[in-house]
PDB file of N, CA and C in Angstrom:
ATOM      1  N   MET A   1     -13.158   3.455  12.132  1.00  0.00           N
ATOM      2  CA  MET A   1     -12.807   2.226  12.791  1.00  0.00           C
ATOM      3  C   MET A   1     -12.812   1.096  11.749  1.00  0.00           C
ATOM      4  N   THR A   2     -11.807   0.280  11.769  1.00  0.00           N
ATOM      5  CA  THR A   2     -11.702  -0.808  10.812  1.00  0.00           C
ATOM      6  C   THR A   2     -12.621  -1.960  11.207  1.00  0.00           C
ATOM      7  N   LEU A   3     -12.873  -2.851  10.249  1.00  0.00           N
ATOM      8  CA  LEU A   3     -13.697  -4.026  10.538  1.00  0.00           C
ATOM      9  C   LEU A   3     -13.053  -4.892  11.614  1.00  0.00           C
ATOM     10  N   ASN A   4     -11.739  -4.994  11.562  1.00  0.00           N
ATOM     11  CA  ASN A   4     -11.027  -5.800  12.550  1.00  0.00           C
ATOM     12  C   ASN A   4     -11.238  -5.238  13.959  1.00  0.00           C
ATOM     13  N   GLN A   5     -11.202  -3.915  14.076  1.00  0.00           N
ATOM     14  CA  GLN A   5     -11.417  -3.291  15.380  1.00  0.00           C
ATOM     15  C   GLN A   5     -12.856  -3.509  15.853  1.00  0.00           C
ATOM     16  N   LYS A   6     -13.818  -3.407  14.926  1.00  0.00           N
ATOM     17  CA  LYS A   6     -15.219  -3.645  15.283  1.00  0.00           C
ATOM     18  C   LYS A   6     -15.422  -5.095  15.714  1.00  0.00           C
ATOM     19  N   TYR A   7     -14.744  -6.017  15.018  1.00  0.00           N
ATOM     20  CA  TYR A   7     -14.842  -7.436  15.359  1.00  0.00           C
ATOM     21  C   TYR A   7     -14.307  -7.686  16.764  1.00  0.00           C
ATOM     22  N   LYS A   8     -13.152  -7.116  17.071  1.00  0.00           N
ATOM     23  CA  LYS A   8     -12.575  -7.313  18.404  1.00  0.00           C
ATOM     24  C   LYS A   8     -13.461  -6.695  19.482  1.00  0.00           C
ATOM     25  N   LYS A   9     -14.043  -5.528  19.175  1.00  0.00           N
ATOM     26  CA  LYS A   9     -14.907  -4.841  20.132  1.00  0.00           C
ATOM     27  C   LYS A   9     -16.189  -5.634  20.399  1.00  0.00           C
ATOM     28  N   SER A  10     -16.685  -6.358  19.381  1.00  0.00           N
ATOM     29  CA  SER A  10     -17.921  -7.125  19.542  1.00  0.00           C
ATOM     30  C   SER A  10     -17.724  -8.381  20.400  1.00  0.00           C
ATOM     31  N   LYS A  11     -16.484  -8.830  20.528  1.00  0.00           N
ATOM     32  CA  LYS A  11     -16.136 -10.033  21.296  1.00  0.00           C
ATOM     33  C   LYS A  11     -16.961 -11.237  20.835  1.00  0.00           C
ATOM     34  N   SER A  12     -17.129 -11.351  19.535  1.00  0.00           N
ATOM     35  CA  SER A  12     -17.894 -12.449  18.937  1.00  0.00           C
ATOM     36  C   SER A  12     -17.105 -13.742  18.993  1.00  0.00           C
ATOM     37  N   LYS A  13     -17.826 -14.840  19.106  1.00  0.00           N
ATOM     38  CA  LYS A  13     -17.199 -16.164  19.098  1.00  0.00           C
ATOM     39  C   LYS A  13     -17.037 -16.700  17.678  1.00  0.00           C
ATOM     40  N   LEU A  14     -17.677 -16.040  16.701  1.00  0.00           N
ATOM     41  CA  LEU A  14     -17.577 -16.451  15.302  1.00  0.00           C
ATOM     42  C   LEU A  14     -16.195 -16.126  14.749  1.00  0.00           C
ATOM     43  N   PRO A  15     -15.703 -16.903  13.788  1.00  0.00           N
ATOM     44  CA  PRO A  15     -14.490 -16.504  13.071  1.00  0.00           C
ATOM     45  C   PRO A  15     -14.740 -15.183  12.337  1.00  0.00           C
ATOM     46  N   PHE A  16     -13.682 -14.439  12.103  1.00  0.00           N
ATOM     47  CA  PHE A  16     -13.803 -13.103  11.521  1.00  0.00           C
ATOM     48  C   PHE A  16     -14.602 -13.102  10.229  1.00  0.00           C
ATOM     49  N   LYS A  17     -14.288 -14.038   9.321  1.00  0.00           N
ATOM     50  CA  LYS A  17     -14.952 -14.072   8.022  1.00  0.00           C
ATOM     51  C   LYS A  17     -16.455 -14.295   8.184  1.00  0.00           C
ATOM     52  N   GLU A  18     -16.838 -15.218   9.047  1.00  0.00           N
ATOM     53  CA  GLU A  18     -18.259 -15.475   9.278  1.00  0.00           C
ATOM     54  C   GLU A  18     -18.934 -14.279   9.933  1.00  0.00           C
ATOM     55  N   TRP A  19     -18.228 -13.614  10.857  1.00  0.00           N
ATOM     56  CA  TRP A  19     -18.768 -12.434  11.514  1.00  0.00           C
ATOM     57  C   TRP A  19     -19.053 -11.335  10.496  1.00  0.00           C
ATOM     58  N   VAL A  20     -18.126 -11.114   9.550  1.00  0.00           N
ATOM     59  CA  VAL A  20     -18.317 -10.087   8.519  1.00  0.00           C
ATOM     60  C   VAL A  20     -19.525 -10.435   7.649  1.00  0.00           C
ATOM     61  N   PHE A  21     -19.622 -11.693   7.212  1.00  0.00           N
ATOM     62  CA  PHE A  21     -20.767 -12.097   6.395  1.00  0.00           C
ATOM     63  C   PHE A  21     -22.073 -11.936   7.158  1.00  0.00           C
ATOM     64  N   ASP A  22     -22.079 -12.278   8.445  1.00  0.00           N
ATOM     65  CA  ASP A  22     -23.277 -12.129   9.267  1.00  0.00           C
ATOM     66  C   ASP A  22     -23.668 -10.653   9.395  1.00  0.00           C
ATOM     67  N   GLN A  23     -22.672  -9.786   9.582  1.00  0.00           N
ATOM     68  CA  GLN A  23     -22.939  -8.350   9.695  1.00  0.00           C
ATOM     69  C   GLN A  23     -23.495  -7.802   8.381  1.00  0.00           C
ATOM     70  N   GLN A  24     -22.946  -8.268   7.259  1.00  0.00           N
ATOM     71  CA  GLN A  24     -23.451  -7.834   5.949  1.00  0.00           C
ATOM     72  C   GLN A  24     -24.878  -8.318   5.738  1.00  0.00           C
ATOM     73  N   LYS A  25     -25.144  -9.570   6.092  1.00  0.00           N
ATOM     74  CA  LYS A  25     -26.466 -10.159   5.898  1.00  0.00           C
ATOM     75  C   LYS A  25     -27.523  -9.399   6.706  1.00  0.00           C
ATOM     76  N   ASN A  26     -27.152  -8.958   7.899  1.00  0.00           N
ATOM     77  CA  ASN A  26     -28.085  -8.224   8.755  1.00  0.00           C
ATOM     78  C   ASN A  26     -28.153  -6.740   8.398  1.00  0.00           C
ATOM     79  N   GLY A  27     -27.346  -6.295   7.449  1.00  0.00           N
ATOM     80  CA  GLY A  27     -27.369  -4.900   7.011  1.00  0.00           C
ATOM     81  C   GLY A  27     -26.668  -3.942   7.940  1.00  0.00           C
ATOM     82  N   ILE A  28     -25.858  -4.451   8.837  1.00  0.00           N
ATOM     83  CA  ILE A  28     -25.154  -3.597   9.792  1.00  0.00           C
ATOM     84  C   ILE A  28     -23.967  -2.908   9.135  1.00  0.00           C
ATOM     85  N   ILE A  29     -23.253  -3.628   8.296  1.00  0.00           N
ATOM     86  CA  ILE A  29     -22.134  -3.037   7.559  1.00  0.00           C
ATOM     87  C   ILE A  29     -22.339  -3.276   6.073  1.00  0.00           C
ATOM     88  N   ASP A  30     -21.790  -2.387   5.285  1.00  0.00           N
ATOM     89  CA  ASP A  30     -21.874  -2.527   3.835  1.00  0.00           C
ATOM     90  C   ASP A  30     -20.519  -2.163   3.254  1.00  0.00           C
ATOM     91  N   ILE A  31     -19.670  -3.169   3.055  1.00  0.00           N
ATOM     92  CA  ILE A  31     -18.327  -2.900   2.546  1.00  0.00           C
ATOM     93  C   ILE A  31     -18.269  -2.966   1.032  1.00  0.00           C
ATOM     94  N   GLU A  32     -19.378  -3.301   0.372  1.00  0.00           N
ATOM     95  CA  GLU A  32     -19.398  -3.398  -1.076  1.00  0.00           C
ATOM     96  C   GLU A  32     -19.312  -2.018  -1.724  1.00  0.00           C
ATOM     97  N   ASP A  33     -19.952  -1.004  -1.110  1.00  0.00           N
ATOM     98  CA  ASP A  33     -20.086   0.300  -1.740  1.00  0.00           C
ATOM     99  C   ASP A  33     -18.907   1.238  -1.520  1.00  0.00           C
ATOM    100  N   SER A  34     -18.066   0.968  -0.554  1.00  0.00           N
ATOM    101  CA  SER A  34     -16.984   1.901  -0.276  1.00  0.00           C
ATOM    102  C   SER A  34     -15.652   1.173  -0.251  1.00  0.00           C
ATOM    103  N   LYS A  35     -14.631   1.865  -0.699  1.00  0.00           N
ATOM    104  CA  LYS A  35     -13.286   1.303  -0.697  1.00  0.00           C
ATOM    105  C   LYS A  35     -12.550   1.846   0.521  1.00  0.00           C
ATOM    106  N   PHE A  36     -11.816   0.976   1.178  1.00  0.00           N
ATOM    107  CA  PHE A  36     -11.057   1.389   2.344  1.00  0.00           C
ATOM    108  C   PHE A  36      -9.618   0.941   2.184  1.00  0.00           C
ATOM    109  N   SER A  37      -8.726   1.741   2.732  1.00  0.00           N
ATOM    110  CA  SER A  37      -7.321   1.373   2.740  1.00  0.00           C
ATOM    111  C   SER A  37      -7.065   0.487   3.954  1.00  0.00           C
ATOM    112  N   ALA A  38      -5.848   0.080   4.153  1.00  0.00           N
ATOM    113  CA  ALA A  38      -5.513  -0.832   5.247  1.00  0.00           C
ATOM    114  C   ALA A  38      -5.766  -0.210   6.619  1.00  0.00           C
ATOM    115  N   ASP A  39      -5.692   1.114   6.722  1.00  0.00           N
ATOM    116  CA  ASP A  39      -5.905   1.751   8.015  1.00  0.00           C
ATOM    117  C   ASP A  39      -7.362   2.136   8.257  1.00  0.00           C
ATOM    118  N   GLY A  40      -8.267   1.775   7.346  1.00  0.00           N
ATOM    119  CA  GLY A  40      -9.684   2.013   7.556  1.00  0.00           C
ATOM    120  C   GLY A  40     -10.186   3.345   7.056  1.00  0.00           C
ATOM    121  N   GLU A  41      -9.294   4.170   6.562  1.00  0.00           N
ATOM    122  CA  GLU A  41      -9.708   5.467   6.037  1.00  0.00           C
ATOM    123  C   GLU A  41     -10.235   5.302   4.617  1.00  0.00           C
ATOM    124  N   PRO A  42     -11.209   6.116   4.223  1.00  0.00           N
ATOM    125  CA  PRO A  42     -11.706   6.024   2.848  1.00  0.00           C
ATOM    126  C   PRO A  42     -10.602   6.304   1.837  1.00  0.00           C
ATOM    127  N   LYS A  43     -10.618   5.570   0.767  1.00  0.00           N
ATOM    128  CA  LYS A  43      -9.613   5.714  -0.285  1.00  0.00           C
ATOM    129  C   LYS A  43     -10.143   6.721  -1.304  1.00  0.00           C
ATOM    130  N   ASN A  44      -9.453   7.821  -1.489  1.00  0.00           N
ATOM    131  CA  ASN A  44      -9.908   8.878  -2.383  1.00  0.00           C
ATOM    132  C   ASN A  44      -8.998   9.008  -3.591  1.00  0.00           C
ATOM    133  N   SER A  45      -8.831   7.939  -4.343  1.00  0.00           N
ATOM    134  CA  SER A  45      -8.014   8.027  -5.536  1.00  0.00           C
ATOM    135  C   SER A  45      -8.852   7.630  -6.739  1.00  0.00           C
ATOM    136  N   ILE A  46      -8.455   8.128  -7.895  1.00  0.00           N
ATOM    137  CA  ILE A  46      -9.159   7.821  -9.126  1.00  0.00           C
ATOM    138  C   ILE A  46      -8.438   6.667  -9.806  1.00  0.00           C
ATOM    139  N   ASP A  47      -9.192   5.627 -10.141  1.00  0.00           N
ATOM    140  CA  ASP A  47      -8.634   4.455 -10.807  1.00  0.00           C
ATOM    141  C   ASP A  47      -9.211   4.347 -12.212  1.00  0.00           C
ATOM    142  N   ILE A  48      -8.356   3.993 -13.160  1.00  0.00           N
ATOM    143  CA  ILE A  48      -8.794   3.697 -14.527  1.00  0.00           C
ATOM    144  C   ILE A  48      -8.368   2.265 -14.788  1.00  0.00           C
ATOM    145  N   ALA A  49      -9.330   1.398 -15.023  1.00  0.00           N
ATOM    146  CA  ALA A  49      -9.091  -0.034 -15.231  1.00  0.00           C
ATOM    147  C   ALA A  49      -8.342  -0.642 -14.043  1.00  0.00           C
ATOM    148  N   GLY A  50      -8.628  -0.140 -12.837  1.00  0.00           N
ATOM    149  CA  GLY A  50      -8.012  -0.670 -11.634  1.00  0.00           C
ATOM    150  C   GLY A  50      -6.609  -0.172 -11.361  1.00  0.00           C
ATOM    151  N   ILE A  51      -6.121   0.760 -12.175  1.00  0.00           N
ATOM    152  CA  ILE A  51      -4.775   1.310 -12.005  1.00  0.00           C
ATOM    153  C   ILE A  51      -4.920   2.774 -11.589  1.00  0.00           C
ATOM    154  N   PRO A  52      -4.252   3.189 -10.497  1.00  0.00           N
ATOM    155  CA  PRO A  52      -4.363   4.575 -10.054  1.00  0.00           C
ATOM    156  C   PRO A  52      -3.921   5.557 -11.144  1.00  0.00           C
ATOM    157  N   LEU A  53      -4.570   6.701 -11.166  1.00  0.00           N
ATOM    158  CA  LEU A  53      -4.329   7.715 -12.184  1.00  0.00           C
ATOM    159  C   LEU A  53      -2.876   8.188 -12.198  1.00  0.00           C
ATOM    160  N   ILE A  54      -2.225   8.220 -11.058  1.00  0.00           N
ATOM    161  CA  ILE A  54      -0.830   8.668 -10.999  1.00  0.00           C
ATOM    162  C   ILE A  54       0.077   7.774 -11.841  1.00  0.00           C
ATOM    163  N   TYR A  55      -0.193   6.464 -11.862  1.00  0.00           N
ATOM    164  CA  TYR A  55       0.630   5.552 -12.658  1.00  0.00           C
ATOM    165  C   TYR A  55       0.376   5.742 -14.147  1.00  0.00           C
ATOM    166  N   TRP A  56      -0.879   6.041 -14.517  1.00  0.00           N
ATOM    167  CA  TRP A  56      -1.175   6.348 -15.923  1.00  0.00           C
ATOM    168  C   TRP A  56      -0.402   7.590 -16.361  1.00  0.00           C
ATOM    169  N   GLY A  57      -0.346   8.603 -15.489  1.00  0.00           N
ATOM    170  CA  GLY A  57       0.386   9.831 -15.803  1.00  0.00           C
ATOM    171  C   GLY A  57       1.875   9.589 -15.959  1.00  0.00           C
ATOM    172  N   MET A  58       2.450   8.808 -15.056  1.00  0.00           N
ATOM    173  CA  MET A  58       3.883   8.519 -15.157  1.00  0.00           C
ATOM    174  C   MET A  58       4.182   7.721 -16.422  1.00  0.00           C
ATOM    175  N   GLY A  59       3.320   6.770 -16.756  1.00  0.00           N
ATOM    176  CA  GLY A  59       3.511   5.991 -17.976  1.00  0.00           C
ATOM    177  C   GLY A  59       3.431   6.858 -19.215  1.00  0.00           C
ATOM    178  N   LEU A  60       2.487   7.794 -19.226  1.00  0.00           N
ATOM    179  CA  LEU A  60       2.340   8.704 -20.365  1.00  0.00           C
ATOM    180  C   LEU A  60       3.583   9.575 -20.533  1.00  0.00           C
ATOM    181  N   VAL A  61       4.120  10.071 -19.435  1.00  0.00           N
ATOM    182  CA  VAL A  61       5.341  10.886 -19.494  1.00  0.00           C
ATOM    183  C   VAL A  61       6.502  10.059 -20.050  1.00  0.00           C
ATOM    184  N   LEU A  62       6.631   8.820 -19.618  1.00  0.00           N
ATOM    185  CA  LEU A  62       7.713   7.960 -20.115  1.00  0.00           C
ATOM    186  C   LEU A  62       7.563   7.671 -21.610  1.00  0.00           C
ATOM    187  N   VAL A  63       6.351   7.385 -22.065  1.00  0.00           N
ATOM    188  CA  VAL A  63       6.132   7.076 -23.477  1.00  0.00           C
ATOM    189  C   VAL A  63       6.400   8.303 -24.344  1.00  0.00           C
ATOM    190  N   VAL A  64       5.874   9.460 -23.946  1.00  0.00           N
ATOM    191  CA  VAL A  64       6.096  10.691 -24.720  1.00  0.00           C
ATOM    192  C   VAL A  64       7.574  11.049 -24.716  1.00  0.00           C
ATOM    193  N   GLY A  65       8.220  10.889 -23.569  1.00  0.00           N
ATOM    194  CA  GLY A  65       9.657  11.164 -23.500  1.00  0.00           C
ATOM    195  C   GLY A  65      10.454  10.241 -24.397  1.00  0.00           C
ATOM    196  N   ALA A  66      10.091   8.968 -24.433  1.00  0.00           N
ATOM    197  CA  ALA A  66      10.796   8.015 -25.294  1.00  0.00           C
ATOM    198  C   ALA A  66      10.579   8.349 -26.762  1.00  0.00           C
ATOM    199  N   ILE A  67       9.340   8.693 -27.130  1.00  0.00           N
ATOM    200  CA  ILE A  67       9.052   9.050 -28.528  1.00  0.00           C
ATOM    201  C   ILE A  67       9.836  10.291 -28.937  1.00  0.00           C
ATOM    202  N   TYR A  68      10.019  11.222 -28.038  1.00  0.00           N
ATOM    203  CA  TYR A  68      10.716  12.466 -28.347  1.00  0.00           C
ATOM    204  C   TYR A  68      12.237  12.285 -28.361  1.00  0.00           C
ATOM    205  N   PHE A  69      12.782  11.588 -27.348  1.00  0.00           N
ATOM    206  CA  PHE A  69      14.237  11.537 -27.201  1.00  0.00           C
ATOM    207  C   PHE A  69      14.928  10.430 -27.985  1.00  0.00           C
ATOM    208  N   ILE A  70      14.298   9.308 -28.222  1.00  0.00           N
ATOM    209  CA  ILE A  70      14.967   8.215 -28.948  1.00  0.00           C
ATOM    210  C   ILE A  70      15.411   8.620 -30.357  1.00  0.00           C
ATOM    211  N   PRO A  71      14.568   9.301 -31.160  1.00  0.00           N
ATOM    212  CA  PRO A  71      15.060   9.742 -32.477  1.00  0.00           C
ATOM    213  C   PRO A  71      16.232  10.730 -32.376  1.00  0.00           C
ATOM    214  N   LYS A  72      16.238  11.580 -31.348  1.00  0.00           N
ATOM    215  CA  LYS A  72      17.340  12.522 -31.171  1.00  0.00           C
ATOM    216  C   LYS A  72      18.638  11.817 -30.800  1.00  0.00           C
ATOM    217  N   LEU A  73      18.555  10.715 -30.067  1.00  0.00           N
ATOM    218  CA  LEU A  73      19.753   9.984 -29.671  1.00  0.00           C
ATOM    219  C   LEU A  73      20.351   9.187 -30.827  1.00  0.00           C
ATOM    220  N   LYS A  74      19.518   8.810 -31.791  1.00  0.00           N
ATOM    221  CA  LYS A  74      20.004   8.025 -32.935  1.00  0.00           C
ATOM    222  C   LYS A  74      20.804   8.872 -33.916  1.00  0.00           C
ATOM    223  N   LYS A  75      20.659  10.189 -33.889  1.00  0.00           N
ATOM    224  CA  LYS A  75      21.366  11.066 -34.845  1.00  0.00           C
ATOM    225  C   LYS A  75      22.814  11.225 -34.504  1.00  0.00           C
TER     226      LYS A  75
END
């Protein structure tokens, strides 16, 4: 369940941001330790310097391909 859904279910009169801070302060939720996607499911991807590993792989393939093919095209 997403935070937004929990907020709506609680029927709190507080604004959403204040409600989240209040929940964190009381130890009810802890969003610092886990990453969630927009749909509330845990995000299970590996990031290097904040960039997903798949993009590092695609970049590596492009660089190696350029190093290999550019000299062949110049001949």
